[in-house]
Amino acid sequence: MNENQDNDGDKIFGLIACGGALPLEFVRHAHEHGIEKVAVAGLKDTTDPEVYQKSFCHEEMKLGELSRLIKFFKKNGVRKAVMLGKIPPKFAVTDIPLDFRLIKLAAKILDRRADGILSAISDEIANDGIIIQETTRYLKHLLAPEAILTKKHPDSKQEIDIKLGIEIASAIGGYDIGQTAVVYKHAVIAVEAMEGTDDCIRRAGKYTKNTVIVKMAKPKQDFRFDVPCVGVGTVESMIEAGAKVLAVEAGKTFILEKEKTLDLANNNGIVICGITRSYGKE
């Protein structure tokens, strides 16, 4: 076992697997952290079936079945788990069937924003001895470095827009609204809300082209269940919208399918860079 492993040995590690590529990335690399068995709690009609194929055991459930989730993990001896993947963003405001335990918890939750709800659920799971871990601990290889990652670099005007984008994205993140700001010629074209990054980019493209996209972690980002992500789909949205620069917070943003993402960006003259909040400051 190397120094990066987490001494889980042959214990069964839990994975709450939602949509997208992250759950599959976790099960593919779990052994690198000394994890030999993964028990997957999947989300009905959302989780990639390949995640189940690579797991030790799995059970598919619906949003709102908290008691069933906890029972499944306890039955299989899970004491540590991660929550990965996309949850439909409207879950925070849509009426979905809740089990009795979640109904009791919901009555106590005053903050209905996604972070507030997921934090409360994680704390409730911890009451049964199951600790939700920070996902960045197990997927460090996906984190963007502080560097220009493409052949093309931002020009001086784009650098000015990146600095404004950092301010705006950090501000909306502080209110748990979104993580992305779209800027052009030092004007804010769009900010991300419930629609997500890709739709935000496409919306901005209806107003102008050649924009700069800045995606930052929230100032109080909870990395147990919410890590900023970009990938091929992000670049495809930029191509559709005519956007030219994607700047993401280094060390706090996952780049999915990195090689494909950068190849697509390079082939379309798009800049991708990893930045920090101090970008451009002396």
C-alpha atoms as a PDB file:
ATOM      1  CA  MET A   1       0.000   0.000   0.000  1.00  0.00           C
ATOM      2  CA  ASN A   2       1.490   3.373  -0.976  1.00  0.00           C
ATOM      3  CA  GLU A   3       1.416   6.641   0.966  1.00  0.00           C
ATOM      4  CA  ASN A   4      -1.618   7.860  -0.976  1.00  0.00           C
ATOM      5  CA  GLN A   5      -3.781   4.984   0.143  1.00  0.00           C
ATOM      6  CA  ASP A   6      -6.304   5.506   2.915  1.00  0.00           C
ATOM      7  CA  ASN A   7      -5.932   2.239   4.816  1.00  0.00           C
ATOM      8  CA  ASP A   8      -9.438   1.030   4.045  1.00  0.00           C
ATOM      9  CA  GLY A   9      -7.980  -2.421   3.318  1.00  0.00           C
ATOM     10  CA  ASP A  10     -10.686  -4.925   2.497  1.00  0.00           C
ATOM     11  CA  LYS A  11     -13.436  -2.888   4.182  1.00  0.00           C
ATOM     12  CA  ILE A  12     -16.438  -2.100   2.049  1.00  0.00           C
ATOM     13  CA  PHE A  13     -16.553   1.545   1.026  1.00  0.00           C
ATOM     14  CA  GLY A  14     -19.869   3.206   0.169  1.00  0.00           C
ATOM     15  CA  LEU A  15     -20.657   5.156  -2.984  1.00  0.00           C
ATOM     16  CA  ILE A  16     -23.823   7.209  -3.430  1.00  0.00           C
ATOM     17  CA  ALA A  17     -23.803   7.270  -7.222  1.00  0.00           C
ATOM     18  CA  CYS A  18     -25.828   9.824  -9.133  1.00  0.00           C
ATOM     19  CA  GLY A  19     -25.540  10.807 -12.805  1.00  0.00           C
ATOM     20  CA  GLY A  20     -22.543  11.554 -14.995  1.00  0.00           C
ATOM     21  CA  ALA A  21     -19.011  10.179 -15.205  1.00  0.00           C
ATOM     22  CA  LEU A  22     -17.698  10.779 -11.670  1.00  0.00           C
ATOM     23  CA  PRO A  23     -19.118   7.638  -9.997  1.00  0.00           C
ATOM     24  CA  LEU A  24     -17.536   5.453 -12.672  1.00  0.00           C
ATOM     25  CA  GLU A  25     -14.230   7.279 -12.285  1.00  0.00           C
ATOM     26  CA  PHE A  26     -14.325   6.530  -8.558  1.00  0.00           C
ATOM     27  CA  VAL A  27     -14.942   2.784  -8.881  1.00  0.00           C
ATOM     28  CA  ARG A  28     -12.195   2.547 -11.502  1.00  0.00           C
ATOM     29  CA  HIS A  29      -9.627   4.121  -9.157  1.00  0.00           C
ATOM     30  CA  ALA A  30     -10.844   2.937  -5.745  1.00  0.00           C
ATOM     31  CA  HIS A  31      -8.107   0.287  -5.469  1.00  0.00           C
ATOM     32  CA  GLU A  32      -5.461   3.028  -5.580  1.00  0.00           C
ATOM     33  CA  HIS A  33      -6.662   4.065  -2.122  1.00  0.00           C
ATOM     34  CA  GLY A  34      -6.652   0.572  -0.657  1.00  0.00           C
ATOM     35  CA  ILE A  35     -10.388   0.164  -1.277  1.00  0.00           C
ATOM     36  CA  GLU A  36     -11.095  -3.370  -2.425  1.00  0.00           C
ATOM     37  CA  LYS A  37     -14.892  -3.421  -2.332  1.00  0.00           C
ATOM     38  CA  VAL A  38     -17.415  -0.717  -3.190  1.00  0.00           C
ATOM     39  CA  ALA A  39     -21.081  -0.880  -2.201  1.00  0.00           C
ATOM     40  CA  VAL A  40     -23.041   1.328  -4.591  1.00  0.00           C
ATOM     41  CA  ALA A  41     -26.306   3.037  -3.722  1.00  0.00           C
ATOM     42  CA  GLY A  42     -27.536   4.103  -7.149  1.00  0.00           C
ATOM     43  CA  LEU A  43     -30.196   6.573  -8.203  1.00  0.00           C
ATOM     44  CA  LYS A  44     -32.992   5.111 -10.287  1.00  0.00           C
ATOM     45  CA  ASP A  45     -32.915   6.110 -13.981  1.00  0.00           C
ATOM     46  CA  THR A  46     -29.775   8.187 -13.356  1.00  0.00           C
ATOM     47  CA  THR A  47     -26.733   6.074 -12.413  1.00  0.00           C
ATOM     48  CA  ASP A  48     -24.578   4.607 -15.204  1.00  0.00           C
ATOM     49  CA  PRO A  49     -25.157   0.800 -15.181  1.00  0.00           C
ATOM     50  CA  GLU A  50     -21.403   0.245 -15.626  1.00  0.00           C
ATOM     51  CA  VAL A  51     -20.923   1.564 -12.084  1.00  0.00           C
ATOM     52  CA  TYR A  52     -22.973  -1.384 -10.808  1.00  0.00           C
ATOM     53  CA  GLN A  53     -20.946  -3.826 -12.902  1.00  0.00           C
ATOM     54  CA  LYS A  54     -17.717  -2.695 -11.248  1.00  0.00           C
ATOM     55  CA  SER A  55     -19.100  -2.740  -7.698  1.00  0.00           C
ATOM     56  CA  PHE A  56     -19.032  -5.446  -5.036  1.00  0.00           C
ATOM     57  CA  CYS A  57     -22.751  -4.995  -4.440  1.00  0.00           C
ATOM     58  CA  HIS A  58     -25.367  -2.424  -5.332  1.00  0.00           C
ATOM     59  CA  GLU A  59     -28.924  -1.362  -4.755  1.00  0.00           C
ATOM     60  CA  GLU A  60     -30.901   1.082  -6.855  1.00  0.00           C
ATOM     61  CA  MET A  61     -33.223   3.503  -5.096  1.00  0.00           C
ATOM     62  CA  LYS A  62     -35.174   6.699  -5.587  1.00  0.00           C
ATOM     63  CA  LEU A  63     -34.515  10.187  -4.290  1.00  0.00           C
ATOM     64  CA  GLY A  64     -36.123  10.465  -0.887  1.00  0.00           C
ATOM     65  CA  GLU A  65     -35.351   6.938   0.359  1.00  0.00           C
ATOM     66  CA  LEU A  66     -32.923   7.901   3.123  1.00  0.00           C
ATOM     67  CA  SER A  67     -33.788   5.011   5.450  1.00  0.00           C
ATOM     68  CA  ARG A  68     -33.246   2.496   2.664  1.00  0.00           C
ATOM     69  CA  LEU A  69     -29.860   4.051   1.859  1.00  0.00           C
ATOM     70  CA  ILE A  70     -28.689   3.856   5.466  1.00  0.00           C
ATOM     71  CA  LYS A  71     -30.011   0.305   5.859  1.00  0.00           C
ATOM     72  CA  PHE A  72     -28.157  -0.814   2.708  1.00  0.00           C
ATOM     73  CA  PHE A  73     -24.859   0.659   3.894  1.00  0.00           C
ATOM     74  CA  LYS A  74     -25.177  -0.707   7.429  1.00  0.00           C
ATOM     75  CA  LYS A  75     -26.082  -4.159   6.129  1.00  0.00           C
ATOM     76  CA  ASN A  76     -22.834  -4.210   4.155  1.00  0.00           C
ATOM     77  CA  GLY A  77     -20.615  -2.798   6.877  1.00  0.00           C
ATOM     78  CA  VAL A  78     -20.018   0.593   5.267  1.00  0.00           C
ATOM     79  CA  ARG A  79     -18.456   3.183   7.557  1.00  0.00           C
ATOM     80  CA  LYS A  80     -17.075   5.599   4.961  1.00  0.00           C
ATOM     81  CA  ALA A  81     -18.737   6.768   1.759  1.00  0.00           C
ATOM     82  CA  VAL A  82     -18.600   9.375  -0.962  1.00  0.00           C
ATOM     83  CA  MET A  83     -21.423  11.080  -2.823  1.00  0.00           C
ATOM     84  CA  LEU A  84     -20.657  11.599  -6.510  1.00  0.00           C
ATOM     85  CA  GLY A  85     -22.446  12.611  -9.695  1.00  0.00           C
ATOM     86  CA  LYS A  86     -25.157  14.914 -10.856  1.00  0.00           C
ATOM     87  CA  ILE A  87     -28.449  15.208  -9.025  1.00  0.00           C
ATOM     88  CA  PRO A  88     -31.244  16.845 -11.037  1.00  0.00           C
ATOM     89  CA  PRO A  89     -30.951  20.497  -9.891  1.00  0.00           C
ATOM     90  CA  LYS A  90     -34.692  20.901  -9.432  1.00  0.00           C
ATOM     91  CA  PHE A  91     -34.717  18.302  -6.638  1.00  0.00           C
ATOM     92  CA  ALA A  92     -34.458  21.105  -4.079  1.00  0.00           C
ATOM     93  CA  VAL A  93     -37.760  22.657  -5.160  1.00  0.00           C
ATOM     94  CA  THR A  94     -39.680  19.717  -6.621  1.00  0.00           C
ATOM     95  CA  ASP A  95     -42.113  17.701  -4.555  1.00  0.00           C
ATOM     96  CA  ILE A  96     -40.757  14.152  -4.408  1.00  0.00           C
ATOM     97  CA  PRO A  97     -41.938  11.294  -2.176  1.00  0.00           C
ATOM     98  CA  LEU A  98     -39.945  11.251   1.063  1.00  0.00           C
ATOM     99  CA  ASP A  99     -39.628   8.411   3.542  1.00  0.00           C
ATOM    100  CA  PHE A 100     -40.499   9.046   7.184  1.00  0.00           C
ATOM    101  CA  ARG A 101     -36.928   9.726   8.265  1.00  0.00           C
ATOM    102  CA  LEU A 102     -36.393  12.283   5.533  1.00  0.00           C
ATOM    103  CA  ILE A 103     -39.738  13.920   6.275  1.00  0.00           C
ATOM    104  CA  LYS A 104     -38.615  14.471   9.874  1.00  0.00           C
ATOM    105  CA  LEU A 105     -35.279  15.833   8.688  1.00  0.00           C
ATOM    106  CA  ALA A 106     -36.887  18.111   6.075  1.00  0.00           C
ATOM    107  CA  ALA A 107     -38.956  19.756   8.785  1.00  0.00           C
ATOM    108  CA  LYS A 108     -35.727  20.916  10.426  1.00  0.00           C
ATOM    109  CA  ILE A 109     -34.031  22.250   7.289  1.00  0.00           C
ATOM    110  CA  LEU A 110     -34.451  25.991   6.972  1.00  0.00           C
ATOM    111  CA  ASP A 111     -31.923  26.473   4.153  1.00  0.00           C
ATOM    112  CA  ARG A 112     -33.493  24.918   1.025  1.00  0.00           C
ATOM    113  CA  ARG A 113     -30.473  25.545  -1.178  1.00  0.00           C
ATOM    114  CA  ALA A 114     -28.686  22.436  -2.433  1.00  0.00           C
ATOM    115  CA  ASP A 115     -25.730  22.743  -0.069  1.00  0.00           C
ATOM    116  CA  GLY A 116     -27.983  23.162   2.951  1.00  0.00           C
ATOM    117  CA  ILE A 117     -30.066  20.107   2.084  1.00  0.00           C
ATOM    118  CA  LEU A 118     -27.126  17.824   1.262  1.00  0.00           C
ATOM    119  CA  SER A 119     -25.191  18.926   4.325  1.00  0.00           C
ATOM    120  CA  ALA A 120     -28.161  18.077   6.547  1.00  0.00           C
ATOM    121  CA  ILE A 121     -28.536  14.662   4.881  1.00  0.00           C
ATOM    122  CA  SER A 122     -24.813  13.947   5.313  1.00  0.00           C
ATOM    123  CA  ASP A 123     -25.014  14.853   8.987  1.00  0.00           C
ATOM    124  CA  GLU A 124     -28.041  12.597   9.398  1.00  0.00           C
ATOM    125  CA  ILE A 125     -26.204   9.677   7.788  1.00  0.00           C
ATOM    126  CA  ALA A 126     -23.304  10.325  10.170  1.00  0.00           C
ATOM    127  CA  ASN A 127     -25.674   9.699  13.093  1.00  0.00           C
ATOM    128  CA  ASP A 128     -25.617   6.055  11.979  1.00  0.00           C
ATOM    129  CA  GLY A 129     -21.830   5.927  11.913  1.00  0.00           C
ATOM    130  CA  ILE A 130     -21.426   6.443   8.165  1.00  0.00           C
ATOM    131  CA  ILE A 131     -19.129   9.365   7.394  1.00  0.00           C
ATOM    132  CA  ILE A 132     -19.369  11.102   4.022  1.00  0.00           C
ATOM    133  CA  GLN A 133     -15.838  11.887   2.818  1.00  0.00           C
ATOM    134  CA  GLU A 134     -14.551  14.745   0.667  1.00  0.00           C
ATOM    135  CA  THR A 135     -14.509  13.482  -2.920  1.00  0.00           C
ATOM    136  CA  THR A 136     -11.341  15.393  -3.830  1.00  0.00           C
ATOM    137  CA  ARG A 137      -9.435  13.055  -1.512  1.00  0.00           C
ATOM    138  CA  TYR A 138     -10.071  10.126  -3.853  1.00  0.00           C
ATOM    139  CA  LEU A 139     -10.044  11.830  -7.265  1.00  0.00           C
ATOM    140  CA  LYS A 140      -7.017  14.114  -7.030  1.00  0.00           C
ATOM    141  CA  HIS A 141      -5.918  13.099 -10.517  1.00  0.00           C
ATOM    142  CA  LEU A 142      -8.932  14.952 -11.944  1.00  0.00           C
ATOM    143  CA  LEU A 143      -8.167  18.303 -10.288  1.00  0.00           C
ATOM    144  CA  ALA A 144      -7.099  21.133 -12.589  1.00  0.00           C
ATOM    145  CA  PRO A 145      -3.532  22.357 -12.030  1.00  0.00           C
ATOM    146  CA  GLU A 146      -2.603  26.040 -11.975  1.00  0.00           C
ATOM    147  CA  ALA A 147      -1.463  26.343 -15.589  1.00  0.00           C
ATOM    148  CA  ILE A 148      -2.433  27.075 -19.174  1.00  0.00           C
ATOM    149  CA  LEU A 149      -3.619  23.669 -20.349  1.00  0.00           C
ATOM    150  CA  THR A 150      -4.145  24.375 -24.054  1.00  0.00           C
ATOM    151  CA  LYS A 151      -1.897  25.474 -26.897  1.00  0.00           C
ATOM    152  CA  LYS A 152      -3.547  28.874 -27.008  1.00  0.00           C
ATOM    153  CA  HIS A 153      -3.140  31.410 -24.182  1.00  0.00           C
ATOM    154  CA  PRO A 154      -5.535  34.182 -23.107  1.00  0.00           C
ATOM    155  CA  ASP A 155      -4.690  37.623 -24.520  1.00  0.00           C
ATOM    156  CA  SER A 156      -4.443  40.778 -22.388  1.00  0.00           C
ATOM    157  CA  LYS A 157      -8.122  41.685 -22.790  1.00  0.00           C
ATOM    158  CA  GLN A 158      -9.228  38.163 -21.900  1.00  0.00           C
ATOM    159  CA  GLU A 159      -7.008  38.267 -18.814  1.00  0.00           C
ATOM    160  CA  ILE A 160      -8.900  41.367 -17.646  1.00  0.00           C
ATOM    161  CA  ASP A 161     -12.196  39.518 -18.177  1.00  0.00           C
ATOM    162  CA  ILE A 162     -10.884  36.520 -16.239  1.00  0.00           C
ATOM    163  CA  LYS A 163     -10.168  38.760 -13.238  1.00  0.00           C
ATOM    164  CA  LEU A 164     -13.714  40.171 -13.331  1.00  0.00           C
ATOM    165  CA  GLY A 165     -15.107  36.675 -13.780  1.00  0.00           C
ATOM    166  CA  ILE A 166     -13.304  35.531 -10.633  1.00  0.00           C
ATOM    167  CA  GLU A 167     -14.950  38.327  -8.641  1.00  0.00           C
ATOM    168  CA  ILE A 168     -18.435  37.626  -9.995  1.00  0.00           C
ATOM    169  CA  ALA A 169     -18.251  33.818  -9.751  1.00  0.00           C
ATOM    170  CA  SER A 170     -16.926  34.074  -6.193  1.00  0.00           C
ATOM    171  CA  ALA A 171     -19.725  36.478  -5.262  1.00  0.00           C
ATOM    172  CA  ILE A 172     -22.581  34.329  -6.575  1.00  0.00           C
ATOM    173  CA  GLY A 173     -20.915  31.276  -5.047  1.00  0.00           C
ATOM    174  CA  GLY A 174     -21.015  32.979  -1.670  1.00  0.00           C
ATOM    175  CA  TYR A 175     -24.799  32.982  -1.928  1.00  0.00           C
ATOM    176  CA  ASP A 176     -24.864  29.359  -3.206  1.00  0.00           C
ATOM    177  CA  ILE A 177     -26.435  30.539  -6.471  1.00  0.00           C
ATOM    178  CA  GLY A 178     -23.952  29.048  -8.934  1.00  0.00           C
ATOM    179  CA  GLN A 179     -20.263  28.731  -9.777  1.00  0.00           C
ATOM    180  CA  THR A 180     -19.940  30.237 -13.251  1.00  0.00           C
ATOM    181  CA  ALA A 181     -19.750  33.751 -14.679  1.00  0.00           C
ATOM    182  CA  VAL A 182     -19.631  34.656 -18.377  1.00  0.00           C
ATOM    183  CA  VAL A 183     -17.813  37.904 -19.215  1.00  0.00           C
ATOM    184  CA  TYR A 184     -17.023  39.868 -22.376  1.00  0.00           C
ATOM    185  CA  LYS A 185     -15.319  43.264 -22.694  1.00  0.00           C
ATOM    186  CA  HIS A 186     -15.512  43.666 -18.908  1.00  0.00           C
ATOM    187  CA  ALA A 187     -19.297  43.235 -18.908  1.00  0.00           C
ATOM    188  CA  VAL A 188     -21.135  40.387 -17.199  1.00  0.00           C
ATOM    189  CA  ILE A 189     -23.131  38.536 -19.849  1.00  0.00           C
ATOM    190  CA  ALA A 190     -24.580  35.741 -17.690  1.00  0.00           C
ATOM    191  CA  VAL A 191     -24.248  34.012 -14.342  1.00  0.00           C
ATOM    192  CA  GLU A 192     -25.116  30.420 -13.524  1.00  0.00           C
ATOM    193  CA  ALA A 193     -28.184  29.554 -11.478  1.00  0.00           C
ATOM    194  CA  MET A 194     -30.229  26.350 -11.373  1.00  0.00           C
ATOM    195  CA  GLU A 195     -29.803  25.626 -15.097  1.00  0.00           C
ATOM    196  CA  GLY A 196     -26.147  24.573 -14.716  1.00  0.00           C
ATOM    197  CA  THR A 197     -22.922  25.639 -16.401  1.00  0.00           C
ATOM    198  CA  ASP A 198     -23.574  24.345 -19.916  1.00  0.00           C
ATOM    199  CA  ASP A 199     -26.974  26.008 -20.253  1.00  0.00           C
ATOM    200  CA  CYS A 200     -25.554  29.211 -18.772  1.00  0.00           C
ATOM    201  CA  ILE A 201     -22.854  29.235 -21.462  1.00  0.00           C
ATOM    202  CA  ARG A 202     -25.392  28.630 -24.227  1.00  0.00           C
ATOM    203  CA  ARG A 203     -27.641  31.359 -22.857  1.00  0.00           C
ATOM    204  CA  ALA A 204     -24.745  33.821 -22.946  1.00  0.00           C
ATOM    205  CA  GLY A 205     -24.114  32.865 -26.564  1.00  0.00           C
ATOM    206  CA  LYS A 206     -27.501  34.308 -27.503  1.00  0.00           C
ATOM    207  CA  TYR A 207     -26.199  37.763 -26.587  1.00  0.00           C
ATOM    208  CA  THR A 208     -22.601  37.795 -27.821  1.00  0.00           C
ATOM    209  CA  LYS A 209     -19.674  35.627 -28.922  1.00  0.00           C
ATOM    210  CA  ASN A 210     -15.989  35.446 -27.900  1.00  0.00           C
ATOM    211  CA  THR A 211     -16.850  35.315 -24.212  1.00  0.00           C
ATOM    212  CA  VAL A 212     -14.723  34.297 -21.235  1.00  0.00           C
ATOM    213  CA  ILE A 213     -16.117  31.598 -18.935  1.00  0.00           C
ATOM    214  CA  VAL A 214     -14.920  31.554 -15.322  1.00  0.00           C
ATOM    215  CA  LYS A 215     -15.866  28.704 -12.986  1.00  0.00           C
ATOM    216  CA  MET A 216     -14.871  28.952  -9.316  1.00  0.00           C
ATOM    217  CA  ALA A 217     -15.514  26.877  -6.226  1.00  0.00           C
ATOM    218  CA  LYS A 218     -17.816  28.524  -3.731  1.00  0.00           C
ATOM    219  CA  PRO A 219     -15.977  30.328  -0.899  1.00  0.00           C
ATOM    220  CA  LYS A 220     -17.423  27.746   1.511  1.00  0.00           C
ATOM    221  CA  GLN A 221     -17.541  24.810  -0.909  1.00  0.00           C
ATOM    222  CA  ASP A 222     -18.441  21.527   0.743  1.00  0.00           C
ATOM    223  CA  PHE A 223     -16.298  19.012  -1.119  1.00  0.00           C
ATOM    224  CA  ARG A 224     -18.192  16.094   0.384  1.00  0.00           C
ATOM    225  CA  PHE A 225     -20.808  16.320  -2.322  1.00  0.00           C
ATOM    226  CA  ASP A 226     -20.217  19.307  -4.581  1.00  0.00           C
ATOM    227  CA  VAL A 227     -17.073  19.810  -6.658  1.00  0.00           C
ATOM    228  CA  PRO A 228     -17.042  22.094  -9.713  1.00  0.00           C
ATOM    229  CA  CYS A 229     -16.682  20.011 -12.893  1.00  0.00           C
ATOM    230  CA  VAL A 230     -15.942  20.719 -16.548  1.00  0.00           C
ATOM    231  CA  GLY A 231     -15.387  18.378 -19.458  1.00  0.00           C
ATOM    232  CA  VAL A 232     -16.201  17.609 -23.064  1.00  0.00           C
ATOM    233  CA  GLY A 233     -19.787  18.813 -22.648  1.00  0.00           C
ATOM    234  CA  THR A 234     -18.557  22.161 -21.350  1.00  0.00           C
ATOM    235  CA  VAL A 235     -16.342  22.684 -24.387  1.00  0.00           C
ATOM    236  CA  GLU A 236     -19.150  21.594 -26.720  1.00  0.00           C
ATOM    237  CA  SER A 237     -21.373  24.242 -25.128  1.00  0.00           C
ATOM    238  CA  MET A 238     -18.632  26.822 -25.630  1.00  0.00           C
ATOM    239  CA  ILE A 239     -18.301  25.912 -29.309  1.00  0.00           C
ATOM    240  CA  GLU A 240     -22.057  26.285 -29.749  1.00  0.00           C
ATOM    241  CA  ALA A 241     -22.021  29.638 -27.951  1.00  0.00           C
ATOM    242  CA  GLY A 242     -18.864  30.954 -29.637  1.00  0.00           C
ATOM    243  CA  ALA A 243     -17.029  31.276 -26.288  1.00  0.00           C
ATOM    244  CA  LYS A 244     -13.217  31.462 -26.342  1.00  0.00           C
ATOM    245  CA  VAL A 245     -11.791  31.035 -22.816  1.00  0.00           C
ATOM    246  CA  LEU A 246     -12.537  28.660 -19.953  1.00  0.00           C
ATOM    247  CA  ALA A 247     -10.810  29.505 -16.657  1.00  0.00           C
ATOM    248  CA  VAL A 248     -11.405  27.160 -13.713  1.00  0.00           C
ATOM    249  CA  GLU A 249     -10.179  27.249 -10.128  1.00  0.00           C
ATOM    250  CA  ALA A 250      -7.029  25.163  -9.813  1.00  0.00           C
ATOM    251  CA  GLY A 251      -7.009  22.421  -7.187  1.00  0.00           C
ATOM    252  CA  LYS A 252     -10.772  22.717  -6.712  1.00  0.00           C
ATOM    253  CA  THR A 253     -12.231  21.813 -10.123  1.00  0.00           C
ATOM    254  CA  PHE A 254     -12.474  18.391 -11.754  1.00  0.00           C
ATOM    255  CA  ILE A 255     -11.653  18.110 -15.454  1.00  0.00           C
ATOM    256  CA  LEU A 256     -13.418  15.016 -16.768  1.00  0.00           C
ATOM    257  CA  GLU A 257     -12.033  13.117 -19.783  1.00  0.00           C
ATOM    258  CA  LYS A 258      -9.093  15.514 -19.707  1.00  0.00           C
ATOM    259  CA  GLU A 259      -7.374  14.385 -22.911  1.00  0.00           C
ATOM    260  CA  LYS A 260     -10.573  14.520 -24.978  1.00  0.00           C
ATOM    261  CA  THR A 261     -11.559  17.847 -23.411  1.00  0.00           C
ATOM    262  CA  LEU A 262      -8.219  19.508 -24.201  1.00  0.00           C
ATOM    263  CA  ASP A 263      -8.058  18.025 -27.717  1.00  0.00           C
ATOM    264  CA  LEU A 264     -11.506  19.420 -28.484  1.00  0.00           C
ATOM    265  CA  ALA A 265     -10.502  22.819 -27.102  1.00  0.00           C
ATOM    266  CA  ASN A 266      -7.258  22.887 -29.097  1.00  0.00           C
ATOM    267  CA  ASN A 267      -9.033  21.898 -32.303  1.00  0.00           C
ATOM    268  CA  ASN A 268     -11.445  24.813 -31.870  1.00  0.00           C
ATOM    269  CA  GLY A 269      -9.048  27.535 -30.725  1.00  0.00           C
ATOM    270  CA  ILE A 270     -10.352  27.556 -27.151  1.00  0.00           C
ATOM    271  CA  VAL A 271      -8.226  28.438 -24.125  1.00  0.00           C
ATOM    272  CA  ILE A 272      -8.489  26.344 -20.945  1.00  0.00           C
ATOM    273  CA  CYS A 273      -6.522  27.367 -17.873  1.00  0.00           C
ATOM    274  CA  GLY A 274      -6.369  26.616 -14.168  1.00  0.00           C
ATOM    275  CA  ILE A 275      -6.313  29.776 -12.050  1.00  0.00           C
ATOM    276  CA  THR A 276      -6.405  30.912  -8.435  1.00  0.00           C
ATOM    277  CA  ARG A 277      -8.310  33.753  -6.798  1.00  0.00           C
ATOM    278  CA  SER A 278      -5.142  35.840  -6.870  1.00  0.00           C
ATOM    279  CA  TYR A 279      -4.916  35.589 -10.682  1.00  0.00           C
ATOM    280  CA  GLY A 280      -3.359  38.710 -12.226  1.00  0.00           C
ATOM    281  CA  LYS A 281      -2.492  40.325  -8.906  1.00  0.00           C
ATOM    282  CA  GLU A 282       1.028  41.456  -8.104  1.00  0.00           C
END
